PDB file of N, CA and C in Angstrom:
ATOM      1  N   UNK A   1      -3.529  39.935   4.828  1.00  0.00           N
ATOM      2  CA  UNK A   1      -2.489  39.151   5.445  1.00  0.00           C
ATOM      3  C   UNK A   1      -3.068  38.334   6.590  1.00  0.00           C
ATOM      4  N   UNK A   2      -2.824  37.015   6.585  1.00  0.00           N
ATOM      5  CA  UNK A   2      -3.320  36.151   7.645  1.00  0.00           C
ATOM      6  C   UNK A   2      -2.371  36.145   8.827  1.00  0.00           C
ATOM      7  N   UNK A   3      -2.939  36.201   9.995  1.00  0.00           N
ATOM      8  CA  UNK A   3      -2.140  36.139  11.212  1.00  0.00           C
ATOM      9  C   UNK A   3      -2.357  34.794  11.877  1.00  0.00           C
ATOM     10  N   UNK A   4      -1.314  34.215  12.403  1.00  0.00           N
ATOM     11  CA  UNK A   4      -1.399  32.963  13.136  1.00  0.00           C
ATOM     12  C   UNK A   4      -1.825  33.288  14.565  1.00  0.00           C
ATOM     13  N   UNK A   5      -2.993  32.814  14.949  1.00  0.00           N
ATOM     14  CA  UNK A   5      -3.493  33.089  16.289  1.00  0.00           C
ATOM     15  C   UNK A   5      -3.474  31.824  17.126  1.00  0.00           C
ATOM     16  N   UNK A   6      -3.418  31.962  18.448  1.00  0.00           N
ATOM     17  CA  UNK A   6      -3.403  30.766  19.302  1.00  0.00           C
ATOM     18  C   UNK A   6      -4.653  29.919  19.157  1.00  0.00           C
ATOM     19  N   UNK A   7      -5.781  30.524  18.752  1.00  0.00           N
ATOM     20  CA  UNK A   7      -7.027  29.770  18.611  1.00  0.00           C
ATOM     21  C   UNK A   7      -7.163  29.098  17.253  1.00  0.00           C
ATOM     22  N   UNK A   8      -6.229  29.292  16.364  1.00  0.00           N
ATOM     23  CA  UNK A   8      -6.272  28.705  15.036  1.00  0.00           C
ATOM     24  C   UNK A   8      -6.119  27.198  15.128  1.00  0.00           C
ATOM     25  N   UNK A   9      -6.918  26.431  14.368  1.00  0.00           N
ATOM     26  CA  UNK A   9      -6.804  24.966  14.417  1.00  0.00           C
ATOM     27  C   UNK A   9      -5.399  24.502  14.042  1.00  0.00           C
ATOM     28  N   UNK A  10      -4.960  23.403  14.658  1.00  0.00           N
ATOM     29  CA  UNK A  10      -3.603  22.879  14.431  1.00  0.00           C
ATOM     30  C   UNK A  10      -3.365  22.554  12.963  1.00  0.00           C
ATOM     31  N   UNK A  11      -4.373  22.116  12.252  1.00  0.00           N
ATOM     32  CA  UNK A  11      -4.199  21.741  10.846  1.00  0.00           C
ATOM     33  C   UNK A  11      -3.834  22.940   9.975  1.00  0.00           C
ATOM     34  N   UNK A  12      -4.157  24.135  10.407  1.00  0.00           N
ATOM     35  CA  UNK A  12      -3.857  25.321   9.602  1.00  0.00           C
ATOM     36  C   UNK A  12      -2.544  25.966   9.981  1.00  0.00           C
ATOM     37  N   UNK A  13      -1.963  25.594  11.082  1.00  0.00           N
ATOM     38  CA  UNK A  13      -0.684  26.166  11.490  1.00  0.00           C
ATOM     39  C   UNK A  13       0.427  25.630  10.625  1.00  0.00           C
ATOM     40  N   UNK A  14       1.475  26.411  10.450  1.00  0.00           N
ATOM     41  CA  UNK A  14       2.578  25.978   9.599  1.00  0.00           C
ATOM     42  C   UNK A  14       3.603  25.144  10.359  1.00  0.00           C
ATOM     43  N   UNK A  15       3.577  25.199  11.690  1.00  0.00           N
ATOM     44  CA  UNK A  15       4.545  24.429  12.452  1.00  0.00           C
ATOM     45  C   UNK A  15       4.117  22.956  12.491  1.00  0.00           C
ATOM     46  N   UNK A  16       5.074  22.040  12.436  1.00  0.00           N
ATOM     47  CA  UNK A  16       4.742  20.626  12.400  1.00  0.00           C
ATOM     48  C   UNK A  16       4.185  20.140  13.734  1.00  0.00           C
ATOM     49  N   UNK A  17       3.417  19.078  13.652  1.00  0.00           N
ATOM     50  CA  UNK A  17       2.852  18.475  14.848  1.00  0.00           C
ATOM     51  C   UNK A  17       3.921  17.709  15.626  1.00  0.00           C
ATOM     52  N   UNK A  18       4.762  16.956  14.904  1.00  0.00           N
ATOM     53  CA  UNK A  18       5.861  16.193  15.501  1.00  0.00           C
ATOM     54  C   UNK A  18       7.148  16.547  14.774  1.00  0.00           C
ATOM     55  N   UNK A  19       8.274  16.410  15.447  1.00  0.00           N
ATOM     56  CA  UNK A  19       9.562  16.629  14.784  1.00  0.00           C
ATOM     57  C   UNK A  19      10.373  15.343  14.879  1.00  0.00           C
ATOM     58  N   UNK A  20      11.165  15.082  13.860  1.00  0.00           N
ATOM     59  CA  UNK A  20      12.038  13.913  13.842  1.00  0.00           C
ATOM     60  C   UNK A  20      13.184  14.170  14.797  1.00  0.00           C
ATOM     61  N   UNK A  21      13.293  13.332  15.813  1.00  0.00           N
ATOM     62  CA  UNK A  21      14.322  13.538  16.830  1.00  0.00           C
ATOM     63  C   UNK A  21      15.479  12.549  16.717  1.00  0.00           C
ATOM     64  N   UNK A  22      15.177  11.296  16.392  1.00  0.00           N
ATOM     65  CA  UNK A  22      16.229  10.272  16.299  1.00  0.00           C
ATOM     66  C   UNK A  22      15.967   9.369  15.104  1.00  0.00           C
ATOM     67  N   UNK A  23      17.031   8.752  14.637  1.00  0.00           N
ATOM     68  CA  UNK A  23      16.901   7.780  13.565  1.00  0.00           C
ATOM     69  C   UNK A  23      17.422   8.244  12.226  1.00  0.00           C
ATOM     70  N   UNK A  24      17.992   9.436  12.166  1.00  0.00           N
ATOM     71  CA  UNK A  24      18.555   9.895  10.891  1.00  0.00           C
ATOM     72  C   UNK A  24      19.680   8.984  10.422  1.00  0.00           C
ATOM     73  N   UNK A  25      20.416   8.394  11.349  1.00  0.00           N
ATOM     74  CA  UNK A  25      21.477   7.456  10.968  1.00  0.00           C
ATOM     75  C   UNK A  25      20.882   6.224  10.289  1.00  0.00           C
ATOM     76  N   UNK A  26      19.733   5.768  10.749  1.00  0.00           N
ATOM     77  CA  UNK A  26      19.049   4.626  10.115  1.00  0.00           C
ATOM     78  C   UNK A  26      18.594   5.012   8.720  1.00  0.00           C
ATOM     79  N   UNK A  27      18.009   6.194   8.586  1.00  0.00           N
ATOM     80  CA  UNK A  27      17.562   6.689   7.281  1.00  0.00           C
ATOM     81  C   UNK A  27      18.733   6.822   6.320  1.00  0.00           C
ATOM     82  N   UNK A  28      19.826   7.383   6.792  1.00  0.00           N
ATOM     83  CA  UNK A  28      21.002   7.578   5.943  1.00  0.00           C
ATOM     84  C   UNK A  28      21.591   6.242   5.480  1.00  0.00           C
ATOM     85  N   UNK A  29      21.737   5.292   6.389  1.00  0.00           N
ATOM     86  CA  UNK A  29      22.296   3.982   6.022  1.00  0.00           C
ATOM     87  C   UNK A  29      21.389   3.265   5.028  1.00  0.00           C
ATOM     88  N   UNK A  30      20.084   3.301   5.246  1.00  0.00           N
ATOM     89  CA  UNK A  30      19.155   2.632   4.347  1.00  0.00           C
ATOM     90  C   UNK A  30      19.139   3.310   2.976  1.00  0.00           C
ATOM     91  N   UNK A  31      19.184   4.632   2.946  1.00  0.00           N
ATOM     92  CA  UNK A  31      19.034   5.355   1.684  1.00  0.00           C
ATOM     93  C   UNK A  31      20.205   5.158   0.722  1.00  0.00           C
ATOM     94  N   UNK A  32      21.337   4.703   1.226  1.00  0.00           N
ATOM     95  CA  UNK A  32      22.507   4.488   0.341  1.00  0.00           C
ATOM     96  C   UNK A  32      22.228   3.477  -0.764  1.00  0.00           C
ATOM     97  N   UNK A  33      21.354   2.505  -0.502  1.00  0.00           N
ATOM     98  CA  UNK A  33      21.096   1.452  -1.484  1.00  0.00           C
ATOM     99  C   UNK A  33      19.690   1.527  -2.081  1.00  0.00           C
ATOM    100  N   UNK A  34      18.900   2.505  -1.669  1.00  0.00           N
ATOM    101  CA  UNK A  34      17.527   2.605  -2.159  1.00  0.00           C
ATOM    102  C   UNK A  34      17.455   3.454  -3.424  1.00  0.00           C
ATOM    103  N   UNK A  35      16.471   3.156  -4.248  1.00  0.00           N
ATOM    104  CA  UNK A  35      16.252   3.961  -5.451  1.00  0.00           C
ATOM    105  C   UNK A  35      15.662   5.313  -5.055  1.00  0.00           C
ATOM    106  N   UNK A  36      15.747   6.269  -5.960  1.00  0.00           N
ATOM    107  CA  UNK A  36      15.195   7.595  -5.686  1.00  0.00           C
ATOM    108  C   UNK A  36      13.696   7.516  -5.441  1.00  0.00           C
ATOM    109  N   UNK A  37      12.971   6.717  -6.211  1.00  0.00           N
ATOM    110  CA  UNK A  37      11.524   6.595  -6.037  1.00  0.00           C
ATOM    111  C   UNK A  37      11.180   6.026  -4.663  1.00  0.00           C
ATOM    112  N   UNK A  38      11.930   5.037  -4.214  1.00  0.00           N
ATOM    113  CA  UNK A  38      11.680   4.452  -2.896  1.00  0.00           C
ATOM    114  C   UNK A  38      12.034   5.432  -1.789  1.00  0.00           C
ATOM    115  N   UNK A  39      13.132   6.162  -1.952  1.00  0.00           N
ATOM    116  CA  UNK A  39      13.481   7.193  -0.960  1.00  0.00           C
ATOM    117  C   UNK A  39      12.374   8.243  -0.869  1.00  0.00           C
ATOM    118  N   UNK A  40      11.840   8.663  -2.010  1.00  0.00           N
ATOM    119  CA  UNK A  40      10.763   9.646  -2.021  1.00  0.00           C
ATOM    120  C   UNK A  40       9.533   9.125  -1.283  1.00  0.00           C
ATOM    121  N   UNK A  41       9.217   7.836  -1.465  1.00  0.00           N
ATOM    122  CA  UNK A  41       8.072   7.237  -0.770  1.00  0.00           C
ATOM    123  C   UNK A  41       8.287   7.264   0.740  1.00  0.00           C
ATOM    124  N   UNK A  42       9.496   6.952   1.184  1.00  0.00           N
ATOM    125  CA  UNK A  42       9.809   6.979   2.619  1.00  0.00           C
ATOM    126  C   UNK A  42       9.732   8.403   3.149  1.00  0.00           C
ATOM    127  N   UNK A  43      10.250   9.367   2.405  1.00  0.00           N
ATOM    128  CA  UNK A  43      10.185  10.766   2.838  1.00  0.00           C
ATOM    129  C   UNK A  43       8.730  11.220   2.974  1.00  0.00           C
ATOM    130  N   UNK A  44       7.857  10.792   2.060  1.00  0.00           N
ATOM    131  CA  UNK A  44       6.437  11.144   2.157  1.00  0.00           C
ATOM    132  C   UNK A  44       5.834  10.586   3.442  1.00  0.00           C
ATOM    133  N   UNK A  45       6.212   9.363   3.801  1.00  0.00           N
ATOM    134  CA  UNK A  45       5.727   8.776   5.054  1.00  0.00           C
ATOM    135  C   UNK A  45       6.216   9.602   6.242  1.00  0.00           C
ATOM    136  N   UNK A  46       7.487   9.971   6.236  1.00  0.00           N
ATOM    137  CA  UNK A  46       8.034  10.745   7.356  1.00  0.00           C
ATOM    138  C   UNK A  46       7.349  12.108   7.480  1.00  0.00           C
ATOM    139  N   UNK A  47       7.039  12.745   6.359  1.00  0.00           N
ATOM    140  CA  UNK A  47       6.298  14.003   6.414  1.00  0.00           C
ATOM    141  C   UNK A  47       4.885  13.776   6.946  1.00  0.00           C
ATOM    142  N   UNK A  48       4.275  12.634   6.602  1.00  0.00           N
ATOM    143  CA  UNK A  48       2.939  12.314   7.112  1.00  0.00           C
ATOM    144  C   UNK A  48       2.974  12.064   8.621  1.00  0.00           C
ATOM    145  N   UNK A  49       4.052  11.457   9.118  1.00  0.00           N
ATOM    146  CA  UNK A  49       4.198  11.307  10.566  1.00  0.00           C
ATOM    147  C   UNK A  49       4.323  12.690  11.192  1.00  0.00           C
ATOM    148  N   UNK A  50       5.123  13.532  10.583  1.00  0.00           N
ATOM    149  CA  UNK A  50       5.361  14.879  11.106  1.00  0.00           C
ATOM    150  C   UNK A  50       4.065  15.678  11.214  1.00  0.00           C
ATOM    151  N   UNK A  51       3.214  15.606  10.198  1.00  0.00           N
ATOM    152  CA  UNK A  51       1.992  16.417  10.244  1.00  0.00           C
ATOM    153  C   UNK A  51       0.799  15.683  10.847  1.00  0.00           C
ATOM    154  N   UNK A  52       0.991  14.410  11.231  1.00  0.00           N
ATOM    155  CA  UNK A  52      -0.074  13.664  11.902  1.00  0.00           C
ATOM    156  C   UNK A  52      -1.041  12.952  10.984  1.00  0.00           C
ATOM    157  N   UNK A  53      -0.820  12.959   9.675  1.00  0.00           N
ATOM    158  CA  UNK A  53      -1.757  12.329   8.738  1.00  0.00           C
ATOM    159  C   UNK A  53      -1.399  10.885   8.390  1.00  0.00           C
ATOM    160  N   UNK A  54      -0.350  10.346   8.978  1.00  0.00           N
ATOM    161  CA  UNK A  54       0.134   9.018   8.599  1.00  0.00           C
ATOM    162  C   UNK A  54      -0.938   7.938   8.771  1.00  0.00           C
ATOM    163  N   UNK A  55      -1.767   8.030   9.809  1.00  0.00           N
ATOM    164  CA  UNK A  55      -2.762   6.991  10.068  1.00  0.00           C
ATOM    165  C   UNK A  55      -3.928   7.051   9.088  1.00  0.00           C
ATOM    166  N   UNK A  56      -4.147   8.195   8.472  1.00  0.00           N
ATOM    167  CA  UNK A  56      -5.191   8.321   7.458  1.00  0.00           C
ATOM    168  C   UNK A  56      -4.685   7.954   6.067  1.00  0.00           C
ATOM    169  N   UNK A  57      -3.397   8.115   5.823  1.00  0.00           N
ATOM    170  CA  UNK A  57      -2.864   7.973   4.472  1.00  0.00           C
ATOM    171  C   UNK A  57      -2.185   6.640   4.189  1.00  0.00           C
ATOM    172  N   UNK A  58      -1.774   5.913   5.225  1.00  0.00           N
ATOM    173  CA  UNK A  58      -0.973   4.699   5.020  1.00  0.00           C
ATOM    174  C   UNK A  58      -1.486   3.543   5.859  1.00  0.00           C
ATOM    175  N   UNK A  59      -1.138   2.347   5.418  1.00  0.00           N
ATOM    176  CA  UNK A  59      -1.430   1.145   6.190  1.00  0.00           C
ATOM    177  C   UNK A  59      -0.440   1.087   7.353  1.00  0.00           C
ATOM    178  N   UNK A  60      -0.959   1.101   8.562  1.00  0.00           N
ATOM    179  CA  UNK A  60      -0.109   1.050   9.747  1.00  0.00           C
ATOM    180  C   UNK A  60      -0.502  -0.143  10.610  1.00  0.00           C
ATOM    181  N   UNK A  61       0.466  -0.630  11.379  1.00  0.00           N
ATOM    182  CA  UNK A  61       0.227  -1.719  12.321  1.00  0.00           C
ATOM    183  C   UNK A  61       0.762  -1.259  13.669  1.00  0.00           C
ATOM    184  N   UNK A  62      -0.120  -1.226  14.657  1.00  0.00           N
ATOM    185  CA  UNK A  62       0.276  -0.813  16.007  1.00  0.00           C
ATOM    186  C   UNK A  62       1.003  -1.944  16.719  1.00  0.00           C
ATOM    187  N   UNK A  63       1.864  -1.578  17.628  1.00  0.00           N
ATOM    188  CA  UNK A  63       2.525  -2.538  18.494  1.00  0.00           C
ATOM    189  C   UNK A  63       1.704  -2.662  19.772  1.00  0.00           C
ATOM    190  N   UNK A  64       1.252  -3.868  20.077  1.00  0.00           N
ATOM    191  CA  UNK A  64       0.480  -4.066  21.305  1.00  0.00           C
ATOM    192  C   UNK A  64       1.384  -4.052  22.527  1.00  0.00           C
ATOM    193  N   UNK A  65       2.607  -4.511  22.374  1.00  0.00           N
ATOM    194  CA  UNK A  65       3.545  -4.545  23.497  1.00  0.00           C
ATOM    195  C   UNK A  65       4.103  -3.160  23.811  1.00  0.00           C
ATOM    196  N   UNK A  66       4.278  -2.344  22.782  1.00  0.00           N
ATOM    197  CA  UNK A  66       4.844  -0.997  22.947  1.00  0.00           C
ATOM    198  C   UNK A  66       3.872   0.005  22.319  1.00  0.00           C
ATOM    199  N   UNK A  67       2.956   0.571  23.109  1.00  0.00           N
ATOM    200  CA  UNK A  67       1.868   1.378  22.548  1.00  0.00           C
ATOM    201  C   UNK A  67       2.279   2.637  21.805  1.00  0.00           C
ATOM    202  N   UNK A  68       3.489   3.103  21.966  1.00  0.00           N
ATOM    203  CA  UNK A  68       3.934   4.312  21.265  1.00  0.00           C
ATOM    204  C   UNK A  68       4.680   3.980  19.979  1.00  0.00           C
ATOM    205  N   UNK A  69       4.644   2.723  19.567  1.00  0.00           N
ATOM    206  CA  UNK A  69       5.340   2.312  18.348  1.00  0.00           C
ATOM    207  C   UNK A  69       4.349   1.752  17.336  1.00  0.00           C
ATOM    208  N   UNK A  70       4.660   1.976  16.073  1.00  0.00           N
ATOM    209  CA  UNK A  70       3.860   1.416  14.988  1.00  0.00           C
ATOM    210  C   UNK A  70       4.740   1.257  13.763  1.00  0.00           C
ATOM    211  N   UNK A  71       4.245   0.480  12.815  1.00  0.00           N
ATOM    212  CA  UNK A  71       4.947   0.270  11.553  1.00  0.00           C
ATOM    213  C   UNK A  71       4.087   0.790  10.417  1.00  0.00           C
ATOM    214  N   UNK A  72       4.739   1.338   9.408  1.00  0.00           N
ATOM    215  CA  UNK A  72       4.072   1.772   8.190  1.00  0.00           C
ATOM    216  C   UNK A  72       4.526   0.823   7.091  1.00  0.00           C
ATOM    217  N   UNK A  73       3.566   0.200   6.415  1.00  0.00           N
ATOM    218  CA  UNK A  73       3.887  -0.757   5.359  1.00  0.00           C
ATOM    219  C   UNK A  73       3.726  -0.090   4.001  1.00  0.00           C
ATOM    220  N   UNK A  74       4.816  -0.070   3.248  1.00  0.00           N
ATOM    221  CA  UNK A  74       4.825   0.516   1.913  1.00  0.00           C
ATOM    222  C   UNK A  74       4.924  -0.587   0.863  1.00  0.00           C
ATOM    223  N   UNK A  75       5.118  -0.198  -0.364  1.00  0.00           N
ATOM    224  CA  UNK A  75       5.243  -1.129  -1.472  1.00  0.00           C
ATOM    225  C   UNK A  75       6.521  -1.968  -1.384  1.00  0.00           C
ATOM    226  N   UNK A  76       6.577  -3.015  -2.160  1.00  0.00           N
ATOM    227  CA  UNK A  76       7.780  -3.849  -2.289  1.00  0.00           C
ATOM    228  C   UNK A  76       8.299  -4.358  -0.942  1.00  0.00           C
ATOM    229  N   UNK A  77       7.371  -4.727  -0.068  1.00  0.00           N
ATOM    230  CA  UNK A  77       7.770  -5.311   1.209  1.00  0.00           C
ATOM    231  C   UNK A  77       8.636  -4.363   2.033  1.00  0.00           C
ATOM    232  N   UNK A  78       8.343  -3.087   1.992  1.00  0.00           N
ATOM    233  CA  UNK A  78       9.110  -2.088   2.726  1.00  0.00           C
ATOM    234  C   UNK A  78       8.343  -1.650   3.971  1.00  0.00           C
ATOM    235  N   UNK A  79       9.027  -1.667   5.119  1.00  0.00           N
ATOM    236  CA  UNK A  79       8.420  -1.307   6.402  1.00  0.00           C
ATOM    237  C   UNK A  79       9.249  -0.203   7.052  1.00  0.00           C
ATOM    238  N   UNK A  80       8.553   0.738   7.676  1.00  0.00           N
ATOM    239  CA  UNK A  80       9.206   1.791   8.457  1.00  0.00           C
ATOM    240  C   UNK A  80       8.684   1.679   9.883  1.00  0.00           C
ATOM    241  N   UNK A  81       9.579   1.469  10.839  1.00  0.00           N
ATOM    242  CA  UNK A  81       9.206   1.413  12.245  1.00  0.00           C
ATOM    243  C   UNK A  81       9.345   2.793  12.865  1.00  0.00           C
ATOM    244  N   UNK A  82       8.288   3.261  13.528  1.00  0.00           N
ATOM    245  CA  UNK A  82       8.240   4.609  14.094  1.00  0.00           C
ATOM    246  C   UNK A  82       7.933   4.525  15.590  1.00  0.00           C
ATOM    247  N   UNK A  83       8.600   5.361  16.345  1.00  0.00           N
ATOM    248  CA  UNK A  83       8.382   5.490  17.790  1.00  0.00           C
ATOM    249  C   UNK A  83       7.950   6.925  18.080  1.00  0.00           C
ATOM    250  N   UNK A  84       6.774   7.132  18.663  1.00  0.00           N
ATOM    251  CA  UNK A  84       6.285   8.468  18.985  1.00  0.00           C
ATOM    252  C   UNK A  84       6.631   8.846  20.414  1.00  0.00           C
ATOM    253  N   UNK A  85       6.910  10.121  20.624  1.00  0.00           N
ATOM    254  CA  UNK A  85       7.100  10.695  21.956  1.00  0.00           C
ATOM    255  C   UNK A  85       6.141  11.877  22.065  1.00  0.00           C
ATOM    256  N   UNK A  86       6.327  12.740  23.039  1.00  0.00           N
ATOM    257  CA  UNK A  86       5.399  13.860  23.252  1.00  0.00           C
ATOM    258  C   UNK A  86       5.195  14.692  21.988  1.00  0.00           C
ATOM    259  N   UNK A  87       6.213  15.362  21.538  1.00  0.00           N
ATOM    260  CA  UNK A  87       6.127  16.193  20.338  1.00  0.00           C
ATOM    261  C   UNK A  87       7.185  15.802  19.316  1.00  0.00           C
ATOM    262  N   UNK A  88       7.668  14.572  19.397  1.00  0.00           N
ATOM    263  CA  UNK A  88       8.717  14.128  18.485  1.00  0.00           C
ATOM    264  C   UNK A  88       8.488  12.673  18.098  1.00  0.00           C
ATOM    265  N   UNK A  89       9.269  12.220  17.118  1.00  0.00           N
ATOM    266  CA  UNK A  89       9.230  10.818  16.735  1.00  0.00           C
ATOM    267  C   UNK A  89      10.621  10.365  16.348  1.00  0.00           C
ATOM    268  N   UNK A  90      10.792   9.047  16.319  1.00  0.00           N
ATOM    269  CA  UNK A  90      12.079   8.457  15.961  1.00  0.00           C
ATOM    270  C   UNK A  90      11.843   7.356  14.938  1.00  0.00           C
ATOM    271  N   UNK A  91      12.812   7.189  14.061  1.00  0.00           N
ATOM    272  CA  UNK A  91      12.803   6.079  13.119  1.00  0.00           C
ATOM    273  C   UNK A  91      13.507   4.925  13.809  1.00  0.00           C
ATOM    274  N   UNK A  92      12.842   3.786  13.911  1.00  0.00           N
ATOM    275  CA  UNK A  92      13.442   2.618  14.545  1.00  0.00           C
ATOM    276  C   UNK A  92      13.949   1.602  13.550  1.00  0.00           C
ATOM    277  N   UNK A  93      13.367   1.598  12.338  1.00  0.00           N
ATOM    278  CA  UNK A  93      13.728   0.598  11.337  1.00  0.00           C
ATOM    279  C   UNK A  93      13.215   1.046   9.978  1.00  0.00           C
ATOM    280  N   UNK A  94      13.984   0.779   8.945  1.00  0.00           N
ATOM    281  CA  UNK A  94      13.535   0.922   7.558  1.00  0.00           C
ATOM    282  C   UNK A  94      14.101  -0.272   6.808  1.00  0.00           C
ATOM    283  N   UNK A  95      13.257  -1.037   6.160  1.00  0.00           N
ATOM    284  CA  UNK A  95      13.733  -2.171   5.394  1.00  0.00           C
ATOM    285  C   UNK A  95      12.642  -3.185   5.121  1.00  0.00           C
ATOM    286  N   UNK A  96      13.033  -4.363   4.661  1.00  0.00           N
ATOM    287  CA  UNK A  96      12.068  -5.420   4.336  1.00  0.00           C
ATOM    288  C   UNK A  96      11.360  -5.949   5.576  1.00  0.00           C
ATOM    289  N   UNK A  97      10.087  -6.273   5.433  1.00  0.00           N
ATOM    290  CA  UNK A  97       9.304  -6.794   6.557  1.00  0.00           C
ATOM    291  C   UNK A  97       9.898  -8.091   7.092  1.00  0.00           C
ATOM    292  N   UNK A  98      10.443  -8.904   6.239  1.00  0.00           N
ATOM    293  CA  UNK A  98      10.995 -10.200   6.681  1.00  0.00           C
ATOM    294  C   UNK A  98      12.244 -10.055   7.513  1.00  0.00           C
ATOM    295  N   UNK A  99      12.851  -8.865   7.556  1.00  0.00           N
ATOM    296  CA  UNK A  99      14.072  -8.658   8.330  1.00  0.00           C
ATOM    297  C   UNK A  99      13.886  -7.718   9.513  1.00  0.00           C
ATOM    298  N   UNK A 100      12.642  -7.399   9.862  1.00  0.00           N
ATOM    299  CA  UNK A 100      12.410  -6.492  10.983  1.00  0.00           C
ATOM    300  C   UNK A 100      12.945  -7.136  12.259  1.00  0.00           C
ATOM    301  N   UNK A 101      13.847  -6.439  12.962  1.00  0.00           N
ATOM    302  CA  UNK A 101      14.343  -6.986  14.230  1.00  0.00           C
ATOM    303  C   UNK A 101      13.225  -7.019  15.265  1.00  0.00           C
ATOM    304  N   UNK A 102      13.208  -7.991  16.166  1.00  0.00           N
ATOM    305  CA  UNK A 102      12.104  -8.114  17.139  1.00  0.00           C
ATOM    306  C   UNK A 102      11.858  -6.845  17.937  1.00  0.00           C
ATOM    307  N   UNK A 103      12.890  -6.114  18.317  1.00  0.00           N
ATOM    308  CA  UNK A 103      12.700  -4.888  19.102  1.00  0.00           C
ATOM    309  C   UNK A 103      12.050  -3.787  18.277  1.00  0.00           C
ATOM    310  N   UNK A 104      12.179  -3.828  16.957  1.00  0.00           N
ATOM    311  CA  UNK A 104      11.603  -2.790  16.095  1.00  0.00           C
ATOM    312  C   UNK A 104      10.263  -3.205  15.526  1.00  0.00           C
ATOM    313  N   UNK A 105       9.863  -4.457  15.723  1.00  0.00           N
ATOM    314  CA  UNK A 105       8.596  -4.936  15.173  1.00  0.00           C
ATOM    315  C   UNK A 105       7.448  -4.236  15.877  1.00  0.00           C
ATOM    316  N   UNK A 106       6.499  -3.806  15.090  1.00  0.00           N
ATOM    317  CA  UNK A 106       5.335  -3.141  15.668  1.00  0.00           C
ATOM    318  C   UNK A 106       4.077  -3.844  15.230  1.00  0.00           C
TER     319      UNK A 106
END
């Protein structure tokens, strides 16, 4: 039986690196019109943000004006705007790149 010890590397711990704190309303509104395959792709991105692997697995664009924000670019002109905090993150935008609001652009 494996025991979780304080010295165990973060990658082996079962607890997430970040937790989704805000933006579920954005996810819910967007998902009403999205296909199941597209929703699954977005969920995979959100899990990658949660475990910290998003920058290795996806094309991201940092915001120079807002250093804690970035965008993840998926297929079919789909963008997810993410805002990081200490141990949490928020969804700022999900939708087409051509419609990203200026405050959510990263």
